[in-house]
Amino acid sequence: MLAKEDAESKLLALKVISQLGKKDLLEDLKPIISDRESSQLHRIQAIRSTEGIAKRHPSLVRENLNTEFMRI
């Protein structure tokens, strides 16, 4: 669903990811967070979605985001 071009579907998928909190979904968020060509709204929601994952896996999210932000 994240690969869809439809902005509304992508935003909804990002919100669902936040609620699920599954650590394997972090890999789907990283390209959106680091892609400066992505919509600013999608990038912000992708970052917010990491909060749901961080509640269950804080060190994993911290490690991945630190690595990802170092590339930006």
PDB file of N, CA and C in Angstrom:
ATOM      1  N   MET A   1       0.808  -1.190   0.000  1.00  0.00           N
ATOM      2  CA  MET A   1       0.000   0.000   0.000  1.00  0.00           C
ATOM      3  C   MET A   1       0.863   1.270   0.000  1.00  0.00           C
ATOM      4  N   LEU A   2       2.067   1.172   0.556  1.00  0.00           N
ATOM      5  CA  LEU A   2       2.956   2.337   0.571  1.00  0.00           C
ATOM      6  C   LEU A   2       3.479   2.677  -0.822  1.00  0.00           C
ATOM      7  N   ALA A   3       3.497   1.717  -1.714  1.00  0.00           N
ATOM      8  CA  ALA A   3       4.018   1.957  -3.057  1.00  0.00           C
ATOM      9  C   ALA A   3       2.999   2.654  -3.954  1.00  0.00           C
ATOM     10  N   LYS A   4       1.753   2.738  -3.530  1.00  0.00           N
ATOM     11  CA  LYS A   4       0.712   3.369  -4.342  1.00  0.00           C
ATOM     12  C   LYS A   4       1.004   4.855  -4.527  1.00  0.00           C
ATOM     13  N   GLU A   5       0.601   5.349  -5.669  1.00  0.00           N
ATOM     14  CA  GLU A   5       0.783   6.770  -5.972  1.00  0.00           C
ATOM     15  C   GLU A   5      -0.295   7.623  -5.325  1.00  0.00           C
ATOM     16  N   ASP A   6      -1.433   7.014  -4.985  1.00  0.00           N
ATOM     17  CA  ASP A   6      -2.546   7.733  -4.385  1.00  0.00           C
ATOM     18  C   ASP A   6      -2.132   8.269  -3.015  1.00  0.00           C
ATOM     19  N   ALA A   7      -2.105   9.566  -2.867  1.00  0.00           N
ATOM     20  CA  ALA A   7      -1.628  10.210  -1.641  1.00  0.00           C
ATOM     21  C   ALA A   7      -2.464   9.830  -0.421  1.00  0.00           C
ATOM     22  N   GLU A   8      -3.763   9.735  -0.582  1.00  0.00           N
ATOM     23  CA  GLU A   8      -4.644   9.390   0.543  1.00  0.00           C
ATOM     24  C   GLU A   8      -4.393   7.967   1.027  1.00  0.00           C
ATOM     25  N   SER A   9      -4.215   7.031   0.105  1.00  0.00           N
ATOM     26  CA  SER A   9      -3.958   5.634   0.475  1.00  0.00           C
ATOM     27  C   SER A   9      -2.629   5.503   1.199  1.00  0.00           C
ATOM     28  N   LYS A  10      -1.645   6.224   0.712  1.00  0.00           N
ATOM     29  CA  LYS A  10      -0.322   6.171   1.335  1.00  0.00           C
ATOM     30  C   LYS A  10      -0.361   6.748   2.752  1.00  0.00           C
ATOM     31  N   LEU A  11      -1.062   7.852   2.919  1.00  0.00           N
ATOM     32  CA  LEU A  11      -1.185   8.471   4.233  1.00  0.00           C
ATOM     33  C   LEU A  11      -1.915   7.530   5.200  1.00  0.00           C
ATOM     34  N   LEU A  12      -2.965   6.892   4.731  1.00  0.00           N
ATOM     35  CA  LEU A  12      -3.708   5.943   5.561  1.00  0.00           C
ATOM     36  C   LEU A  12      -2.815   4.769   5.962  1.00  0.00           C
ATOM     37  N   ALA A  13      -2.045   4.260   5.018  1.00  0.00           N
ATOM     38  CA  ALA A  13      -1.137   3.149   5.314  1.00  0.00           C
ATOM     39  C   ALA A  13      -0.109   3.544   6.372  1.00  0.00           C
ATOM     40  N   LEU A  14       0.406   4.746   6.282  1.00  0.00           N
ATOM     41  CA  LEU A  14       1.374   5.214   7.275  1.00  0.00           C
ATOM     42  C   LEU A  14       0.743   5.318   8.661  1.00  0.00           C
ATOM     43  N   LYS A  15      -0.502   5.739   8.727  1.00  0.00           N
ATOM     44  CA  LYS A  15      -1.195   5.827  10.007  1.00  0.00           C
ATOM     45  C   LYS A  15      -1.443   4.434  10.590  1.00  0.00           C
ATOM     46  N   VAL A  16      -1.765   3.485   9.735  1.00  0.00           N
ATOM     47  CA  VAL A  16      -1.985   2.105  10.188  1.00  0.00           C
ATOM     48  C   VAL A  16      -0.693   1.512  10.732  1.00  0.00           C
ATOM     49  N   ILE A  17       0.407   1.775  10.070  1.00  0.00           N
ATOM     50  CA  ILE A  17       1.710   1.287  10.532  1.00  0.00           C
ATOM     51  C   ILE A  17       1.982   1.781  11.947  1.00  0.00           C
ATOM     52  N   SER A  18       1.646   3.012  12.208  1.00  0.00           N
ATOM     53  CA  SER A  18       1.856   3.576  13.534  1.00  0.00           C
ATOM     54  C   SER A  18       1.086   2.790  14.589  1.00  0.00           C
ATOM     55  N   GLN A  19      -0.131   2.407  14.257  1.00  0.00           N
ATOM     56  CA  GLN A  19      -0.970   1.677  15.203  1.00  0.00           C
ATOM     57  C   GLN A  19      -0.515   0.228  15.394  1.00  0.00           C
ATOM     58  N   LEU A  20       0.023  -0.378  14.348  1.00  0.00           N
ATOM     59  CA  LEU A  20       0.448  -1.775  14.436  1.00  0.00           C
ATOM     60  C   LEU A  20       1.691  -1.949  15.301  1.00  0.00           C
ATOM     61  N   GLY A  21       2.646  -1.057  15.142  1.00  0.00           N
ATOM     62  CA  GLY A  21       3.863  -1.117  15.947  1.00  0.00           C
ATOM     63  C   GLY A  21       4.769  -2.304  15.642  1.00  0.00           C
ATOM     64  N   LYS A  22       4.667  -2.880  14.466  1.00  0.00           N
ATOM     65  CA  LYS A  22       5.485  -4.044  14.097  1.00  0.00           C
ATOM     66  C   LYS A  22       6.857  -3.595  13.625  1.00  0.00           C
ATOM     67  N   LYS A  23       7.893  -4.198  14.185  1.00  0.00           N
ATOM     68  CA  LYS A  23       9.261  -3.755  13.898  1.00  0.00           C
ATOM     69  C   LYS A  23       9.673  -3.982  12.453  1.00  0.00           C
ATOM     70  N   ASP A  24       9.135  -5.005  11.783  1.00  0.00           N
ATOM     71  CA  ASP A  24       9.520  -5.243  10.395  1.00  0.00           C
ATOM     72  C   ASP A  24       9.014  -4.154   9.453  1.00  0.00           C
ATOM     73  N   LEU A  25       8.037  -3.373   9.878  1.00  0.00           N
ATOM     74  CA  LEU A  25       7.527  -2.278   9.052  1.00  0.00           C
ATOM     75  C   LEU A  25       8.455  -1.061   9.057  1.00  0.00           C
ATOM     76  N   LEU A  26       9.398  -1.048   9.959  1.00  0.00           N
ATOM     77  CA  LEU A  26      10.368   0.046  10.012  1.00  0.00           C
ATOM     78  C   LEU A  26      11.141   0.150   8.698  1.00  0.00           C
ATOM     79  N   GLU A  27      11.429  -0.987   8.100  1.00  0.00           N
ATOM     80  CA  GLU A  27      12.148  -0.990   6.812  1.00  0.00           C
ATOM     81  C   GLU A  27      11.345  -0.303   5.710  1.00  0.00           C
ATOM     82  N   ASP A  28      10.019  -0.369   5.792  1.00  0.00           N
ATOM     83  CA  ASP A  28       9.169   0.300   4.802  1.00  0.00           C
ATOM     84  C   ASP A  28       9.137   1.812   5.006  1.00  0.00           C
ATOM     85  N   LEU A  29       9.385   2.242   6.223  1.00  0.00           N
ATOM     86  CA  LEU A  29       9.349   3.675   6.527  1.00  0.00           C
ATOM     87  C   LEU A  29      10.639   4.393   6.157  1.00  0.00           C
ATOM     88  N   LYS A  30      11.745   3.699   6.278  1.00  0.00           N
ATOM     89  CA  LYS A  30      13.048   4.347   6.058  1.00  0.00           C
ATOM     90  C   LYS A  30      13.187   5.028   4.693  1.00  0.00           C
ATOM     91  N   PRO A  31      12.771   4.387   3.590  1.00  0.00           N
ATOM     92  CA  PRO A  31      12.907   5.091   2.300  1.00  0.00           C
ATOM     93  C   PRO A  31      12.049   6.351   2.200  1.00  0.00           C
ATOM     94  N   ILE A  32      10.897   6.336   2.826  1.00  0.00           N
ATOM     95  CA  ILE A  32      10.022   7.513   2.790  1.00  0.00           C
ATOM     96  C   ILE A  32      10.638   8.647   3.601  1.00  0.00           C
ATOM     97  N   ILE A  33      11.177   8.312   4.758  1.00  0.00           N
ATOM     98  CA  ILE A  33      11.787   9.322   5.625  1.00  0.00           C
ATOM     99  C   ILE A  33      12.986   9.981   4.950  1.00  0.00           C
ATOM    100  N   SER A  34      13.775   9.203   4.252  1.00  0.00           N
ATOM    101  CA  SER A  34      15.009   9.733   3.670  1.00  0.00           C
ATOM    102  C   SER A  34      14.833  10.333   2.270  1.00  0.00           C
ATOM    103  N   ASP A  35      13.692  10.119   1.629  1.00  0.00           N
ATOM    104  CA  ASP A  35      13.469  10.599   0.263  1.00  0.00           C
ATOM    105  C   ASP A  35      12.992  12.046   0.274  1.00  0.00           C
ATOM    106  N   ARG A  36      13.868  12.935  -0.082  1.00  0.00           N
ATOM    107  CA  ARG A  36      13.520  14.361  -0.101  1.00  0.00           C
ATOM    108  C   ARG A  36      12.529  14.713  -1.207  1.00  0.00           C
ATOM    109  N   GLU A  37      12.311  13.792  -2.136  1.00  0.00           N
ATOM    110  CA  GLU A  37      11.333  14.018  -3.200  1.00  0.00           C
ATOM    111  C   GLU A  37       9.925  13.614  -2.760  1.00  0.00           C
ATOM    112  N   SER A  38       9.809  12.889  -1.655  1.00  0.00           N
ATOM    113  CA  SER A  38       8.504  12.495  -1.130  1.00  0.00           C
ATOM    114  C   SER A  38       7.783  13.720  -0.587  1.00  0.00           C
ATOM    115  N   SER A  39       6.485  13.609  -0.540  1.00  0.00           N
ATOM    116  CA  SER A  39       5.669  14.670   0.043  1.00  0.00           C
ATOM    117  C   SER A  39       6.104  14.917   1.481  1.00  0.00           C
ATOM    118  N   GLN A  40       6.172  16.171   1.859  1.00  0.00           N
ATOM    119  CA  GLN A  40       6.546  16.517   3.229  1.00  0.00           C
ATOM    120  C   GLN A  40       5.563  15.894   4.215  1.00  0.00           C
ATOM    121  N   LEU A  41       4.291  15.874   3.874  1.00  0.00           N
ATOM    122  CA  LEU A  41       3.274  15.274   4.732  1.00  0.00           C
ATOM    123  C   LEU A  41       3.547  13.781   4.934  1.00  0.00           C
ATOM    124  N   HIS A  42       3.917  13.089   3.869  1.00  0.00           N
ATOM    125  CA  HIS A  42       4.220  11.660   3.982  1.00  0.00           C
ATOM    126  C   HIS A  42       5.473  11.421   4.817  1.00  0.00           C
ATOM    127  N   ARG A  43       6.462  12.258   4.641  1.00  0.00           N
ATOM    128  CA  ARG A  43       7.694  12.111   5.436  1.00  0.00           C
ATOM    129  C   ARG A  43       7.414  12.333   6.920  1.00  0.00           C
ATOM    130  N   ILE A  44       6.643  13.348   7.237  1.00  0.00           N
ATOM    131  CA  ILE A  44       6.303  13.624   8.633  1.00  0.00           C
ATOM    132  C   ILE A  44       5.502  12.466   9.223  1.00  0.00           C
ATOM    133  N   GLN A  45       4.523  11.965   8.471  1.00  0.00           N
ATOM    134  CA  GLN A  45       3.717  10.854   8.981  1.00  0.00           C
ATOM    135  C   GLN A  45       4.563   9.597   9.133  1.00  0.00           C
ATOM    136  N   ALA A  46       5.512   9.374   8.250  1.00  0.00           N
ATOM    137  CA  ALA A  46       6.405   8.216   8.378  1.00  0.00           C
ATOM    138  C   ALA A  46       7.231   8.326   9.659  1.00  0.00           C
ATOM    139  N   ILE A  47       7.708   9.513   9.953  1.00  0.00           N
ATOM    140  CA  ILE A  47       8.462   9.718  11.201  1.00  0.00           C
ATOM    141  C   ILE A  47       7.546   9.501  12.401  1.00  0.00           C
ATOM    142  N   ARG A  48       6.336  10.017  12.332  1.00  0.00           N
ATOM    143  CA  ARG A  48       5.372   9.804  13.425  1.00  0.00           C
ATOM    144  C   ARG A  48       5.032   8.326  13.587  1.00  0.00           C
ATOM    145  N   SER A  49       5.005   7.597  12.483  1.00  0.00           N
ATOM    146  CA  SER A  49       4.683   6.174  12.535  1.00  0.00           C
ATOM    147  C   SER A  49       5.734   5.374  13.291  1.00  0.00           C
ATOM    148  N   THR A  50       6.942   5.897  13.331  1.00  0.00           N
ATOM    149  CA  THR A  50       7.981   5.186  14.080  1.00  0.00           C
ATOM    150  C   THR A  50       7.687   5.200  15.581  1.00  0.00           C
ATOM    151  N   GLU A  51       6.858   6.145  16.026  1.00  0.00           N
ATOM    152  CA  GLU A  51       6.525   6.220  17.450  1.00  0.00           C
ATOM    153  C   GLU A  51       5.822   4.950  17.926  1.00  0.00           C
ATOM    154  N   GLY A  52       4.898   4.440  17.115  1.00  0.00           N
ATOM    155  CA  GLY A  52       4.202   3.211  17.480  1.00  0.00           C
ATOM    156  C   GLY A  52       5.145   2.023  17.568  1.00  0.00           C
ATOM    157  N   ILE A  53       6.124   1.987  16.692  1.00  0.00           N
ATOM    158  CA  ILE A  53       7.123   0.919  16.717  1.00  0.00           C
ATOM    159  C   ILE A  53       8.049   1.115  17.916  1.00  0.00           C
ATOM    160  N   ALA A  54       8.397   2.370  18.189  1.00  0.00           N
ATOM    161  CA  ALA A  54       9.327   2.673  19.287  1.00  0.00           C
ATOM    162  C   ALA A  54       8.757   2.302  20.651  1.00  0.00           C
ATOM    163  N   LYS A  55       7.447   2.306  20.784  1.00  0.00           N
ATOM    164  CA  LYS A  55       6.842   1.914  22.059  1.00  0.00           C
ATOM    165  C   LYS A  55       7.176   0.470  22.405  1.00  0.00           C
ATOM    166  N   ARG A  56       7.330  -0.361  21.367  1.00  0.00           N
ATOM    167  CA  ARG A  56       7.610  -1.780  21.587  1.00  0.00           C
ATOM    168  C   ARG A  56       9.084  -2.130  21.383  1.00  0.00           C
ATOM    169  N   HIS A  57       9.759  -1.353  20.537  1.00  0.00           N
ATOM    170  CA  HIS A  57      11.156  -1.644  20.173  1.00  0.00           C
ATOM    171  C   HIS A  57      11.969  -0.351  20.135  1.00  0.00           C
ATOM    172  N   PRO A  58      12.138   0.325  21.270  1.00  0.00           N
ATOM    173  CA  PRO A  58      12.785   1.647  21.258  1.00  0.00           C
ATOM    174  C   PRO A  58      14.218   1.651  20.758  1.00  0.00           C
ATOM    175  N   SER A  59      15.013   0.691  21.148  1.00  0.00           N
ATOM    176  CA  SER A  59      16.415   0.712  20.723  1.00  0.00           C
ATOM    177  C   SER A  59      16.546   0.456  19.223  1.00  0.00           C
ATOM    178  N   LEU A  60      15.681  -0.376  18.678  1.00  0.00           N
ATOM    179  CA  LEU A  60      15.709  -0.657  17.243  1.00  0.00           C
ATOM    180  C   LEU A  60      15.392   0.603  16.444  1.00  0.00           C
ATOM    181  N   VAL A  61      14.369   1.314  16.857  1.00  0.00           N
ATOM    182  CA  VAL A  61      13.982   2.539  16.156  1.00  0.00           C
ATOM    183  C   VAL A  61      15.077   3.589  16.290  1.00  0.00           C
ATOM    184  N   ARG A  62      15.600   3.763  17.482  1.00  0.00           N
ATOM    185  CA  ARG A  62      16.660   4.749  17.708  1.00  0.00           C
ATOM    186  C   ARG A  62      17.858   4.457  16.808  1.00  0.00           C
ATOM    187  N   GLU A  63      18.266   3.203  16.764  1.00  0.00           N
ATOM    188  CA  GLU A  63      19.424   2.812  15.958  1.00  0.00           C
ATOM    189  C   GLU A  63      19.173   3.061  14.472  1.00  0.00           C
ATOM    190  N   ASN A  64      18.008   2.663  13.995  1.00  0.00           N
ATOM    191  CA  ASN A  64      17.692   2.825  12.574  1.00  0.00           C
ATOM    192  C   ASN A  64      17.537   4.279  12.175  1.00  0.00           C
ATOM    193  N   LEU A  65      16.878   5.068  12.995  1.00  0.00           N
ATOM    194  CA  LEU A  65      16.693   6.473  12.641  1.00  0.00           C
ATOM    195  C   LEU A  65      17.996   7.255  12.726  1.00  0.00           C
ATOM    196  N   ASN A  66      18.835   6.942  13.691  1.00  0.00           N
ATOM    197  CA  ASN A  66      20.134   7.596  13.751  1.00  0.00           C
ATOM    198  C   ASN A  66      20.929   7.320  12.494  1.00  0.00           C
ATOM    199  N   THR A  67      20.926   6.080  12.051  1.00  0.00           N
ATOM    200  CA  THR A  67      21.626   5.705  10.821  1.00  0.00           C
ATOM    201  C   THR A  67      21.021   6.409   9.611  1.00  0.00           C
ATOM    202  N   GLU A  68      19.681   6.430   9.544  1.00  0.00           N
ATOM    203  CA  GLU A  68      18.991   7.025   8.415  1.00  0.00           C
ATOM    204  C   GLU A  68      19.205   8.518   8.359  1.00  0.00           C
ATOM    205  N   PHE A  69      19.148   9.207   9.487  1.00  0.00           N
ATOM    206  CA  PHE A  69      19.304  10.656   9.510  1.00  0.00           C
ATOM    207  C   PHE A  69      20.747  11.073   9.248  1.00  0.00           C
ATOM    208  N   MET A  70      21.677  10.205   9.508  1.00  0.00           N
ATOM    209  CA  MET A  70      23.082  10.516   9.220  1.00  0.00           C
ATOM    210  C   MET A  70      23.317  10.580   7.718  1.00  0.00           C
ATOM    211  N   ARG A  71      22.474   9.895   6.938  1.00  0.00           N
ATOM    212  CA  ARG A  71      22.616   9.907   5.474  1.00  0.00           C
ATOM    213  C   ARG A  71      21.976  11.118   4.842  1.00  0.00           C
ATOM    214  N   ILE A  72      21.037  11.728   5.540  1.00  0.00           N
ATOM    215  CA  ILE A  72      20.270  12.843   4.949  1.00  0.00           C
ATOM    216  C   ILE A  72      21.102  14.102   4.922  1.00  0.00           C
TER     217      ILE A  72
END
